[in-house]
């Protein structure tokens, strides 16, 4: 069973992955101003940090394989 901190991390990571307007666009393009902004922002944003803990990748990298 997950403790309360892990549940919060999962919720925050899901928000970053699916709803955050900055992070989702940065992952989609993979370059540009937003991409570099998220690289810097991920050091201070709790949602970006949770994304990294849950998915094992920084918030500016995609978790899905595109074919």
PDB file of N, CA and C in Angstrom:
ATOM      1  N   UNK A   1       0.834  -1.183   0.000  1.00  0.00           N
ATOM      2  CA  UNK A   1       0.000   0.000   0.000  1.00  0.00           C
ATOM      3  C   UNK A   1       0.882   1.251   0.000  1.00  0.00           C
ATOM      4  N   UNK A   2       0.475   2.250  -0.755  1.00  0.00           N
ATOM      5  CA  UNK A   2       1.256   3.477  -0.862  1.00  0.00           C
ATOM      6  C   UNK A   2       0.999   4.380   0.331  1.00  0.00           C
ATOM      7  N   UNK A   3       2.065   5.027   0.796  1.00  0.00           N
ATOM      8  CA  UNK A   3       1.843   6.004   1.860  1.00  0.00           C
ATOM      9  C   UNK A   3       1.360   7.322   1.245  1.00  0.00           C
ATOM     10  N   UNK A   4       1.015   8.259   2.091  1.00  0.00           N
ATOM     11  CA  UNK A   4       0.401   9.509   1.648  1.00  0.00           C
ATOM     12  C   UNK A   4       1.312  10.311   0.729  1.00  0.00           C
ATOM     13  N   UNK A   5       2.619  10.319   0.985  1.00  0.00           N
ATOM     14  CA  UNK A   5       3.543  11.075   0.135  1.00  0.00           C
ATOM     15  C   UNK A   5       3.594  10.503  -1.282  1.00  0.00           C
ATOM     16  N   UNK A   6       3.573   9.206  -1.398  1.00  0.00           N
ATOM     17  CA  UNK A   6       3.599   8.599  -2.726  1.00  0.00           C
ATOM     18  C   UNK A   6       2.323   8.887  -3.500  1.00  0.00           C
ATOM     19  N   UNK A   7       1.191   8.924  -2.834  1.00  0.00           N
ATOM     20  CA  UNK A   7      -0.070   9.260  -3.494  1.00  0.00           C
ATOM     21  C   UNK A   7      -0.020  10.688  -4.022  1.00  0.00           C
ATOM     22  N   UNK A   8       0.545  11.589  -3.230  1.00  0.00           N
ATOM     23  CA  UNK A   8       0.674  12.982  -3.672  1.00  0.00           C
ATOM     24  C   UNK A   8       1.617  13.073  -4.865  1.00  0.00           C
ATOM     25  N   UNK A   9       2.714  12.336  -4.805  1.00  0.00           N
ATOM     26  CA  UNK A   9       3.661  12.338  -5.931  1.00  0.00           C
ATOM     27  C   UNK A   9       2.997  11.851  -7.209  1.00  0.00           C
ATOM     28  N   UNK A  10       2.201  10.811  -7.095  1.00  0.00           N
ATOM     29  CA  UNK A  10       1.538  10.264  -8.284  1.00  0.00           C
ATOM     30  C   UNK A  10       0.543  11.274  -8.851  1.00  0.00           C
ATOM     31  N   UNK A  11      -0.213  11.933  -7.989  1.00  0.00           N
ATOM     32  CA  UNK A  11      -1.162  12.952  -8.451  1.00  0.00           C
ATOM     33  C   UNK A  11      -0.437  14.115  -9.118  1.00  0.00           C
ATOM     34  N   UNK A  12       0.645  14.555  -8.499  1.00  0.00           N
ATOM     35  CA  UNK A  12       1.408  15.666  -9.072  1.00  0.00           C
ATOM     36  C   UNK A  12       2.051  15.272 -10.397  1.00  0.00           C
ATOM     37  N   UNK A  13       2.592  14.069 -10.456  1.00  0.00           N
ATOM     38  CA  UNK A  13       3.224  13.602 -11.694  1.00  0.00           C
ATOM     39  C   UNK A  13       2.204  13.472 -12.816  1.00  0.00           C
ATOM     40  N   UNK A  14       1.020  13.006 -12.479  1.00  0.00           N
ATOM     41  CA  UNK A  14      -0.035  12.872 -13.484  1.00  0.00           C
ATOM     42  C   UNK A  14      -0.457  14.249 -14.005  1.00  0.00           C
ATOM     43  N   UNK A  15      -0.547  15.240 -13.105  1.00  0.00           N
ATOM     44  CA  UNK A  15      -0.873  16.597 -13.540  1.00  0.00           C
ATOM     45  C   UNK A  15       0.198  17.111 -14.497  1.00  0.00           C
ATOM     46  N   UNK A  16       1.456  16.913 -14.138  1.00  0.00           N
ATOM     47  CA  UNK A  16       2.562  17.363 -14.986  1.00  0.00           C
ATOM     48  C   UNK A  16       2.514  16.668 -16.346  1.00  0.00           C
ATOM     49  N   UNK A  17       2.206  15.394 -16.351  1.00  0.00           N
ATOM     50  CA  UNK A  17       2.209  14.621 -17.594  1.00  0.00           C
ATOM     51  C   UNK A  17       1.023  14.932 -18.492  1.00  0.00           C
ATOM     52  N   UNK A  18      -0.137  15.208 -17.903  1.00  0.00           N
ATOM     53  CA  UNK A  18      -1.350  15.323 -18.701  1.00  0.00           C
ATOM     54  C   UNK A  18      -1.926  16.727 -18.820  1.00  0.00           C
ATOM     55  N   UNK A  19      -1.758  17.566 -17.796  1.00  0.00           N
ATOM     56  CA  UNK A  19      -2.485  18.827 -17.773  1.00  0.00           C
ATOM     57  C   UNK A  19      -1.634  20.088 -17.756  1.00  0.00           C
ATOM     58  N   UNK A  20      -0.403  20.002 -17.328  1.00  0.00           N
ATOM     59  CA  UNK A  20       0.429  21.206 -17.237  1.00  0.00           C
ATOM     60  C   UNK A  20       0.653  21.777 -18.634  1.00  0.00           C
ATOM     61  N   UNK A  21       0.204  23.006 -18.895  1.00  0.00           N
ATOM     62  CA  UNK A  21       0.312  23.560 -20.249  1.00  0.00           C
ATOM     63  C   UNK A  21       1.756  23.765 -20.706  1.00  0.00           C
ATOM     64  N   UNK A  22       2.646  24.026 -19.794  1.00  0.00           N
ATOM     65  CA  UNK A  22       4.040  24.265 -20.164  1.00  0.00           C
ATOM     66  C   UNK A  22       4.761  22.952 -20.420  1.00  0.00           C
ATOM     67  N   UNK A  23       4.649  22.037 -19.481  1.00  0.00           N
ATOM     68  CA  UNK A  23       5.367  20.763 -19.597  1.00  0.00           C
ATOM     69  C   UNK A  23       4.873  19.915 -20.772  1.00  0.00           C
ATOM     70  N   UNK A  24       3.567  19.883 -20.978  1.00  0.00           N
ATOM     71  CA  UNK A  24       3.049  19.061 -22.071  1.00  0.00           C
ATOM     72  C   UNK A  24       3.514  19.563 -23.425  1.00  0.00           C
ATOM     73  N   UNK A  25       3.551  20.875 -23.594  1.00  0.00           N
ATOM     74  CA  UNK A  25       4.029  21.439 -24.868  1.00  0.00           C
ATOM     75  C   UNK A  25       5.527  21.228 -25.037  1.00  0.00           C
ATOM     76  N   UNK A  26       6.268  21.335 -23.947  1.00  0.00           N
ATOM     77  CA  UNK A  26       7.716  21.125 -24.016  1.00  0.00           C
ATOM     78  C   UNK A  26       8.037  19.685 -24.410  1.00  0.00           C
ATOM     79  N   UNK A  27       7.311  18.731 -23.833  1.00  0.00           N
ATOM     80  CA  UNK A  27       7.530  17.326 -24.191  1.00  0.00           C
ATOM     81  C   UNK A  27       7.107  17.050 -25.627  1.00  0.00           C
ATOM     82  N   UNK A  28       6.027  17.665 -26.053  1.00  0.00           N
ATOM     83  CA  UNK A  28       5.515  17.415 -27.402  1.00  0.00           C
ATOM     84  C   UNK A  28       6.503  17.889 -28.464  1.00  0.00           C
ATOM     85  N   UNK A  29       7.053  19.100 -28.285  1.00  0.00           N
ATOM     86  CA  UNK A  29       7.974  19.643 -29.280  1.00  0.00           C
ATOM     87  C   UNK A  29       9.393  19.086 -29.113  1.00  0.00           C
ATOM     88  N   UNK A  30       9.846  18.972 -27.891  1.00  0.00           N
ATOM     89  CA  UNK A  30      11.182  18.458 -27.640  1.00  0.00           C
ATOM     90  C   UNK A  30      12.300  19.439 -27.954  1.00  0.00           C
ATOM     91  N   UNK A  31      11.928  20.701 -28.160  1.00  0.00           N
ATOM     92  CA  UNK A  31      12.919  21.743 -28.419  1.00  0.00           C
ATOM     93  C   UNK A  31      12.250  23.093 -28.220  1.00  0.00           C
ATOM     94  N   UNK A  32      13.034  24.124 -28.274  1.00  0.00           N
ATOM     95  CA  UNK A  32      12.481  25.463 -28.194  1.00  0.00           C
ATOM     96  C   UNK A  32      12.529  26.074 -26.801  1.00  0.00           C
ATOM     97  N   UNK A  33      11.905  27.240 -26.688  1.00  0.00           N
ATOM     98  CA  UNK A  33      11.952  28.021 -25.460  1.00  0.00           C
ATOM     99  C   UNK A  33      11.295  27.289 -24.279  1.00  0.00           C
ATOM    100  N   UNK A  34      10.114  26.722 -24.485  1.00  0.00           N
ATOM    101  CA  UNK A  34       9.441  26.022 -23.392  1.00  0.00           C
ATOM    102  C   UNK A  34      10.241  24.811 -22.927  1.00  0.00           C
ATOM    103  N   UNK A  35      10.872  24.122 -23.843  1.00  0.00           N
ATOM    104  CA  UNK A  35      11.701  22.966 -23.503  1.00  0.00           C
ATOM    105  C   UNK A  35      12.815  23.391 -22.539  1.00  0.00           C
ATOM    106  N   UNK A  36      13.491  24.463 -22.853  1.00  0.00           N
ATOM    107  CA  UNK A  36      14.577  24.939 -21.994  1.00  0.00           C
ATOM    108  C   UNK A  36      14.045  25.518 -20.691  1.00  0.00           C
ATOM    109  N   UNK A  37      12.874  26.142 -20.744  1.00  0.00           N
ATOM    110  CA  UNK A  37      12.264  26.665 -19.523  1.00  0.00           C
ATOM    111  C   UNK A  37      11.937  25.524 -18.558  1.00  0.00           C
ATOM    112  N   UNK A  38      11.401  24.438 -19.056  1.00  0.00           N
ATOM    113  CA  UNK A  38      11.061  23.295 -18.199  1.00  0.00           C
ATOM    114  C   UNK A  38      12.319  22.658 -17.632  1.00  0.00           C
ATOM    115  N   UNK A  39      13.394  22.663 -18.390  1.00  0.00           N
ATOM    116  CA  UNK A  39      14.654  22.125 -17.861  1.00  0.00           C
ATOM    117  C   UNK A  39      15.073  22.896 -16.609  1.00  0.00           C
ATOM    118  N   UNK A  40      14.910  24.195 -16.622  1.00  0.00           N
ATOM    119  CA  UNK A  40      15.267  25.022 -15.464  1.00  0.00           C
ATOM    120  C   UNK A  40      14.197  24.909 -14.389  1.00  0.00           C
ATOM    121  N   UNK A  41      12.930  24.973 -14.802  1.00  0.00           N
ATOM    122  CA  UNK A  41      11.808  24.936 -13.869  1.00  0.00           C
ATOM    123  C   UNK A  41      11.769  23.624 -13.085  1.00  0.00           C
ATOM    124  N   UNK A  42      12.197  22.546 -13.685  1.00  0.00           N
ATOM    125  CA  UNK A  42      12.111  21.238 -13.033  1.00  0.00           C
ATOM    126  C   UNK A  42      12.950  21.168 -11.759  1.00  0.00           C
ATOM    127  N   UNK A  43      13.830  22.106 -11.570  1.00  0.00           N
ATOM    128  CA  UNK A  43      14.624  22.140 -10.341  1.00  0.00           C
ATOM    129  C   UNK A  43      13.824  22.681  -9.163  1.00  0.00           C
ATOM    130  N   UNK A  44      12.771  23.478  -9.432  1.00  0.00           N
ATOM    131  CA  UNK A  44      12.024  24.096  -8.344  1.00  0.00           C
ATOM    132  C   UNK A  44      10.548  23.702  -8.298  1.00  0.00           C
ATOM    133  N   UNK A  45       9.995  23.246  -9.375  1.00  0.00           N
ATOM    134  CA  UNK A  45       8.570  22.927  -9.454  1.00  0.00           C
ATOM    135  C   UNK A  45       8.278  21.581  -8.788  1.00  0.00           C
ATOM    136  N   UNK A  46       7.363  21.532  -7.803  1.00  0.00           N
ATOM    137  CA  UNK A  46       7.064  20.266  -7.145  1.00  0.00           C
ATOM    138  C   UNK A  46       6.416  19.241  -8.081  1.00  0.00           C
ATOM    139  N   UNK A  47       5.700  19.704  -9.094  1.00  0.00           N
ATOM    140  CA  UNK A  47       5.063  18.792 -10.040  1.00  0.00           C
ATOM    141  C   UNK A  47       6.115  18.152 -10.955  1.00  0.00           C
ATOM    142  N   UNK A  48       7.071  18.933 -11.388  1.00  0.00           N
ATOM    143  CA  UNK A  48       8.152  18.398 -12.224  1.00  0.00           C
ATOM    144  C   UNK A  48       9.030  17.428 -11.446  1.00  0.00           C
ATOM    145  N   UNK A  49       9.286  17.747 -10.193  1.00  0.00           N
ATOM    146  CA  UNK A  49      10.097  16.846  -9.374  1.00  0.00           C
ATOM    147  C   UNK A  49       9.362  15.530  -9.114  1.00  0.00           C
ATOM    148  N   UNK A  50       8.043  15.613  -8.904  1.00  0.00           N
ATOM    149  CA  UNK A  50       7.249  14.398  -8.716  1.00  0.00           C
ATOM    150  C   UNK A  50       7.241  13.558  -9.995  1.00  0.00           C
ATOM    151  N   UNK A  51       7.177  14.214 -11.144  1.00  0.00           N
ATOM    152  CA  UNK A  51       7.219  13.520 -12.438  1.00  0.00           C
ATOM    153  C   UNK A  51       8.492  12.689 -12.530  1.00  0.00           C
ATOM    154  N   UNK A  52       9.604  13.287 -12.134  1.00  0.00           N
ATOM    155  CA  UNK A  52      10.878  12.575 -12.211  1.00  0.00           C
ATOM    156  C   UNK A  52      10.918  11.395 -11.242  1.00  0.00           C
ATOM    157  N   UNK A  53      10.378  11.574 -10.045  1.00  0.00           N
ATOM    158  CA  UNK A  53      10.370  10.474  -9.067  1.00  0.00           C
ATOM    159  C   UNK A  53       9.475   9.325  -9.527  1.00  0.00           C
ATOM    160  N   UNK A  54       8.323   9.641 -10.111  1.00  0.00           N
ATOM    161  CA  UNK A  54       7.364   8.602 -10.489  1.00  0.00           C
ATOM    162  C   UNK A  54       7.762   7.911 -11.783  1.00  0.00           C
ATOM    163  N   UNK A  55       8.117   8.682 -12.821  1.00  0.00           N
ATOM    164  CA  UNK A  55       8.390   8.109 -14.135  1.00  0.00           C
ATOM    165  C   UNK A  55       9.868   7.825 -14.388  1.00  0.00           C
ATOM    166  N   UNK A  56      10.745   8.363 -13.548  1.00  0.00           N
ATOM    167  CA  UNK A  56      12.166   8.094 -13.697  1.00  0.00           C
ATOM    168  C   UNK A  56      12.843   8.897 -14.798  1.00  0.00           C
ATOM    169  N   UNK A  57      12.144   9.876 -15.335  1.00  0.00           N
ATOM    170  CA  UNK A  57      12.699  10.740 -16.378  1.00  0.00           C
ATOM    171  C   UNK A  57      12.385  12.187 -16.034  1.00  0.00           C
ATOM    172  N   UNK A  58      13.206  13.117 -16.501  1.00  0.00           N
ATOM    173  CA  UNK A  58      12.902  14.530 -16.266  1.00  0.00           C
ATOM    174  C   UNK A  58      11.599  14.935 -16.948  1.00  0.00           C
ATOM    175  N   UNK A  59      10.993  16.006 -16.474  1.00  0.00           N
ATOM    176  CA  UNK A  59       9.685  16.446 -16.968  1.00  0.00           C
ATOM    177  C   UNK A  59       9.714  16.896 -18.425  1.00  0.00           C
ATOM    178  N   UNK A  60      10.869  17.206 -18.947  1.00  0.00           N
ATOM    179  CA  UNK A  60      10.942  17.662 -20.337  1.00  0.00           C
ATOM    180  C   UNK A  60      11.138  16.503 -21.313  1.00  0.00           C
ATOM    181  N   UNK A  61      11.303  15.288 -20.805  1.00  0.00           N
ATOM    182  CA  UNK A  61      11.406  14.112 -21.682  1.00  0.00           C
ATOM    183  C   UNK A  61      10.099  13.347 -21.650  1.00  0.00           C
ATOM    184  N   UNK A  62       9.711  12.805 -22.777  1.00  0.00           N
ATOM    185  CA  UNK A  62       8.463  12.065 -22.864  1.00  0.00           C
ATOM    186  C   UNK A  62       8.592  10.678 -22.243  1.00  0.00           C
ATOM    187  N   UNK A  63       7.482  10.163 -21.711  1.00  0.00           N
ATOM    188  CA  UNK A  63       7.489   8.825 -21.138  1.00  0.00           C
ATOM    189  C   UNK A  63       6.943   7.796 -22.115  1.00  0.00           C
ATOM    190  N   UNK A  64       6.341   8.265 -23.180  1.00  0.00           N
ATOM    191  CA  UNK A  64       5.704   7.385 -24.145  1.00  0.00           C
ATOM    192  C   UNK A  64       6.572   7.254 -25.387  1.00  0.00           C
ATOM    193  N   UNK A  65       6.570   6.078 -25.967  1.00  0.00           N
ATOM    194  CA  UNK A  65       7.289   5.856 -27.212  1.00  0.00           C
ATOM    195  C   UNK A  65       6.371   6.223 -28.380  1.00  0.00           C
ATOM    196  N   UNK A  66       6.816   7.146 -29.207  1.00  0.00           N
ATOM    197  CA  UNK A  66       6.021   7.531 -30.373  1.00  0.00           C
ATOM    198  C   UNK A  66       6.518   6.778 -31.584  1.00  0.00           C
ATOM    199  N   UNK A  67       5.599   6.163 -32.323  1.00  0.00           N
ATOM    200  CA  UNK A  67       5.972   5.408 -33.517  1.00  0.00           C
ATOM    201  C   UNK A  67       5.331   6.030 -34.734  1.00  0.00           C
TER     202      UNK A  67
END
